[in-house]
Amino acid sequence: MKTKKATVPLASLRERRIALGLSQAKLAAELGVAPMTVSRWELGAMGVARPGWLDVMLGLLELRHRRVANGGSVDGGGSVEGN
């Protein structure tokens, strides 16, 4: 029996990506997926296999974005450092 993959609300995914100032390609690179995967998620053409993982990853990117916006920095390894 084939299991249907869960979907993430399309508007939410696209809105969160745009709020982060990321293109589909840049979000894909942050997540370690192909750019077409992000496009397909946003179009609803492909379900997200692990929606909980995607939500956590977007949350971490949003946290990093807020920290940088508040004067923190991101080191070369991608972790967030405060001033």
N, C-alpha and C. Protein backbone atom coordinates (compact mmCIF):
# COMPACT_ATOMS: atom_id res chain seq x y z
N MET A 1 0.85 -1.18 0.00
CA MET A 1 0.00 0.00 0.00
C MET A 1 0.89 1.24 0.00
N LYS A 2 0.62 2.16 -0.91
CA LYS A 2 1.41 3.37 -1.02
C LYS A 2 0.93 4.39 0.00
N THR A 3 1.88 5.01 0.73
CA THR A 3 1.56 6.00 1.73
C THR A 3 1.61 7.39 1.10
N LYS A 4 0.57 8.16 1.32
CA LYS A 4 0.54 9.53 0.80
C LYS A 4 1.38 10.42 1.71
N LYS A 5 2.25 11.23 1.11
CA LYS A 5 3.08 12.14 1.89
C LYS A 5 2.26 13.34 2.31
N ALA A 6 2.56 13.83 3.49
CA ALA A 6 1.85 15.00 4.01
C ALA A 6 2.28 16.24 3.24
N THR A 7 1.39 17.20 3.22
CA THR A 7 1.73 18.46 2.57
C THR A 7 1.83 19.56 3.61
N VAL A 8 2.66 20.53 3.32
CA VAL A 8 2.79 21.72 4.15
C VAL A 8 1.93 22.77 3.47
N PRO A 9 1.21 23.59 4.24
CA PRO A 9 0.41 24.63 3.58
C PRO A 9 1.25 25.43 2.59
N LEU A 10 0.84 25.45 1.33
CA LEU A 10 1.64 26.06 0.27
C LEU A 10 1.92 27.53 0.53
N ALA A 11 0.91 28.28 0.91
CA ALA A 11 1.11 29.70 1.17
C ALA A 11 2.11 29.90 2.30
N SER A 12 2.01 29.06 3.32
CA SER A 12 2.91 29.19 4.46
C SER A 12 4.36 28.96 4.06
N LEU A 13 4.62 27.93 3.30
CA LEU A 13 5.98 27.64 2.88
C LEU A 13 6.54 28.78 2.04
N ARG A 14 5.77 29.20 1.05
CA ARG A 14 6.21 30.29 0.17
C ARG A 14 6.39 31.59 0.96
N GLU A 15 5.44 31.92 1.82
CA GLU A 15 5.52 33.15 2.62
C GLU A 15 6.73 33.12 3.55
N ARG A 16 6.98 31.99 4.17
CA ARG A 16 8.13 31.89 5.07
C ARG A 16 9.44 32.04 4.31
N ARG A 17 9.52 31.44 3.12
CA ARG A 17 10.73 31.57 2.30
C ARG A 17 10.96 33.02 1.90
N ILE A 18 9.90 33.68 1.46
CA ILE A 18 10.02 35.07 1.04
C ILE A 18 10.39 35.96 2.22
N ALA A 19 9.78 35.71 3.38
CA ALA A 19 10.11 36.50 4.58
C ALA A 19 11.58 36.35 4.97
N LEU A 20 12.17 35.21 4.66
CA LEU A 20 13.59 34.99 4.92
C LEU A 20 14.47 35.64 3.86
N GLY A 21 13.86 36.13 2.79
CA GLY A 21 14.62 36.75 1.71
C GLY A 21 15.38 35.74 0.86
N LEU A 22 14.86 34.51 0.80
CA LEU A 22 15.54 33.45 0.07
C LEU A 22 14.82 33.10 -1.22
N SER A 23 15.59 32.84 -2.25
CA SER A 23 15.03 32.28 -3.49
C SER A 23 14.75 30.80 -3.24
N GLN A 24 14.05 30.18 -4.16
CA GLN A 24 13.83 28.74 -4.03
C GLN A 24 15.17 28.01 -4.05
N ALA A 25 16.09 28.46 -4.89
CA ALA A 25 17.40 27.80 -4.99
C ALA A 25 18.19 27.94 -3.69
N LYS A 26 18.14 29.12 -3.08
CA LYS A 26 18.88 29.32 -1.82
C LYS A 26 18.26 28.52 -0.68
N LEU A 27 16.93 28.48 -0.62
CA LEU A 27 16.29 27.66 0.41
C LEU A 27 16.65 26.20 0.20
N ALA A 28 16.63 25.75 -1.05
CA ALA A 28 16.99 24.36 -1.35
C ALA A 28 18.41 24.06 -0.86
N ALA A 29 19.34 24.98 -1.10
CA ALA A 29 20.72 24.77 -0.64
C ALA A 29 20.78 24.70 0.88
N GLU A 30 20.03 25.54 1.57
CA GLU A 30 20.00 25.52 3.04
C GLU A 30 19.45 24.19 3.56
N LEU A 31 18.48 23.64 2.84
CA LEU A 31 17.83 22.40 3.28
C LEU A 31 18.52 21.14 2.77
N GLY A 32 19.41 21.30 1.79
CA GLY A 32 20.08 20.14 1.23
C GLY A 32 19.20 19.35 0.28
N VAL A 33 18.31 20.05 -0.41
CA VAL A 33 17.45 19.40 -1.40
C VAL A 33 17.64 20.10 -2.74
N ALA A 34 17.11 19.51 -3.79
CA ALA A 34 17.20 20.11 -5.13
C ALA A 34 16.25 21.31 -5.22
N PRO A 35 16.63 22.33 -5.98
CA PRO A 35 15.74 23.49 -6.15
C PRO A 35 14.36 23.10 -6.68
N MET A 36 14.30 22.12 -7.56
CA MET A 36 12.99 21.69 -8.08
C MET A 36 12.11 21.11 -6.97
N THR A 37 12.72 20.56 -5.94
CA THR A 37 11.95 20.02 -4.82
C THR A 37 11.18 21.14 -4.13
N VAL A 38 11.86 22.25 -3.86
CA VAL A 38 11.19 23.39 -3.23
C VAL A 38 10.08 23.91 -4.13
N SER A 39 10.35 24.01 -5.40
CA SER A 39 9.34 24.47 -6.36
C SER A 39 8.12 23.55 -6.33
N ARG A 40 8.36 22.26 -6.35
CA ARG A 40 7.25 21.29 -6.35
C ARG A 40 6.46 21.35 -5.05
N TRP A 41 7.16 21.54 -3.91
CA TRP A 41 6.45 21.69 -2.64
C TRP A 41 5.53 22.89 -2.70
N GLU A 42 6.08 24.02 -3.17
CA GLU A 42 5.29 25.25 -3.20
C GLU A 42 4.11 25.16 -4.17
N LEU A 43 4.27 24.44 -5.26
CA LEU A 43 3.19 24.28 -6.22
C LEU A 43 2.18 23.21 -5.81
N GLY A 44 2.53 22.43 -4.80
CA GLY A 44 1.66 21.34 -4.37
C GLY A 44 1.76 20.12 -5.27
N ALA A 45 2.78 20.11 -6.12
CA ALA A 45 2.97 18.98 -7.04
C ALA A 45 3.63 17.79 -6.36
N MET A 46 4.19 18.03 -5.19
CA MET A 46 4.89 16.96 -4.46
C MET A 46 4.69 17.21 -2.97
N GLY A 47 4.33 16.16 -2.26
CA GLY A 47 4.18 16.27 -0.82
C GLY A 47 5.54 16.26 -0.13
N VAL A 48 5.58 16.77 1.07
CA VAL A 48 6.79 16.78 1.88
C VAL A 48 6.83 15.48 2.68
N ALA A 49 7.88 14.71 2.49
CA ALA A 49 7.99 13.41 3.16
C ALA A 49 8.03 13.56 4.68
N ARG A 50 8.72 14.60 5.15
CA ARG A 50 8.85 14.82 6.60
C ARG A 50 8.49 16.27 6.92
N PRO A 51 7.18 16.58 6.99
CA PRO A 51 6.77 17.96 7.22
C PRO A 51 7.26 18.51 8.56
N GLY A 52 7.39 17.66 9.56
CA GLY A 52 7.91 18.12 10.85
C GLY A 52 9.35 18.59 10.73
N TRP A 53 10.15 17.87 9.96
CA TRP A 53 11.55 18.25 9.72
C TRP A 53 11.60 19.60 9.01
N LEU A 54 10.76 19.76 7.98
CA LEU A 54 10.75 21.01 7.23
C LEU A 54 10.37 22.18 8.13
N ASP A 55 9.38 21.98 8.98
CA ASP A 55 8.95 23.04 9.90
C ASP A 55 10.07 23.42 10.85
N VAL A 56 10.79 22.43 11.38
CA VAL A 56 11.91 22.70 12.29
C VAL A 56 13.02 23.45 11.56
N MET A 57 13.35 23.01 10.35
CA MET A 57 14.41 23.66 9.59
C MET A 57 14.05 25.11 9.26
N LEU A 58 12.81 25.34 8.85
CA LEU A 58 12.38 26.71 8.58
C LEU A 58 12.43 27.55 9.86
N GLY A 59 12.05 26.95 10.97
CA GLY A 59 12.12 27.65 12.26
C GLY A 59 13.54 28.05 12.61
N LEU A 60 14.50 27.17 12.36
CA LEU A 60 15.91 27.49 12.62
C LEU A 60 16.41 28.60 11.70
N LEU A 61 16.01 28.54 10.44
CA LEU A 61 16.40 29.61 9.51
C LEU A 61 15.79 30.94 9.93
N GLU A 62 14.55 30.91 10.42
CA GLU A 62 13.90 32.14 10.89
C GLU A 62 14.60 32.68 12.13
N LEU A 63 15.00 31.80 13.02
CA LEU A 63 15.74 32.22 14.21
C LEU A 63 17.05 32.88 13.81
N ARG A 64 17.77 32.27 12.89
CA ARG A 64 19.03 32.84 12.42
C ARG A 64 18.78 34.20 11.78
N HIS A 65 17.73 34.29 10.98
CA HIS A 65 17.39 35.54 10.31
C HIS A 65 17.12 36.65 11.33
N ARG A 66 16.35 36.34 12.38
CA ARG A 66 16.05 37.32 13.43
C ARG A 66 17.30 37.74 14.18
N ARG A 67 18.16 36.77 14.49
CA ARG A 67 19.40 37.10 15.21
C ARG A 67 20.27 38.03 14.40
N VAL A 68 20.42 37.75 13.12
CA VAL A 68 21.24 38.61 12.25
C VAL A 68 20.59 39.99 12.14
N ALA A 69 19.28 40.03 12.01
CA ALA A 69 18.57 41.31 11.90
C ALA A 69 18.72 42.14 13.18
N ASN A 70 18.95 41.49 14.30
CA ASN A 70 19.10 42.18 15.58
C ASN A 70 20.57 42.42 15.94
N GLY A 71 21.45 42.33 14.96
CA GLY A 71 22.84 42.68 15.20
C GLY A 71 23.77 41.51 15.42
N GLY A 72 23.28 40.29 15.37
CA GLY A 72 24.15 39.12 15.49
C GLY A 72 24.84 38.87 14.17
N SER A 73 25.63 37.84 14.12
CA SER A 73 26.30 37.48 12.86
C SER A 73 26.22 35.97 12.69
N VAL A 74 26.48 35.54 11.50
CA VAL A 74 26.52 34.11 11.19
C VAL A 74 27.94 33.79 10.83
N ASP A 75 28.56 32.84 11.56
CA ASP A 75 29.95 32.48 11.23
C ASP A 75 29.99 31.61 9.99
N GLY A 76 31.18 31.31 9.50
CA GLY A 76 31.35 30.54 8.28
C GLY A 76 30.71 29.17 8.32
N GLY A 77 30.53 28.60 9.50
CA GLY A 77 29.93 27.28 9.63
C GLY A 77 28.44 27.29 9.62
N GLY A 78 27.85 28.50 9.60
CA GLY A 78 26.40 28.57 9.54
C GLY A 78 25.73 28.74 10.88
N SER A 79 26.48 28.62 12.00
CA SER A 79 25.85 28.80 13.29
C SER A 79 25.75 30.29 13.60
N VAL A 80 24.81 30.64 14.45
CA VAL A 80 24.55 32.03 14.75
C VAL A 80 25.36 32.46 15.96
N GLU A 81 26.02 33.59 15.84
CA GLU A 81 26.79 34.15 16.94
C GLU A 81 26.27 35.54 17.25
N GLY A 82 26.15 35.86 18.50
CA GLY A 82 25.75 37.22 18.90
C GLY A 82 26.97 38.11 18.99
N ASN A 83 26.75 39.42 18.99
CA ASN A 83 27.87 40.37 19.12
C ASN A 83 28.30 40.50 20.55
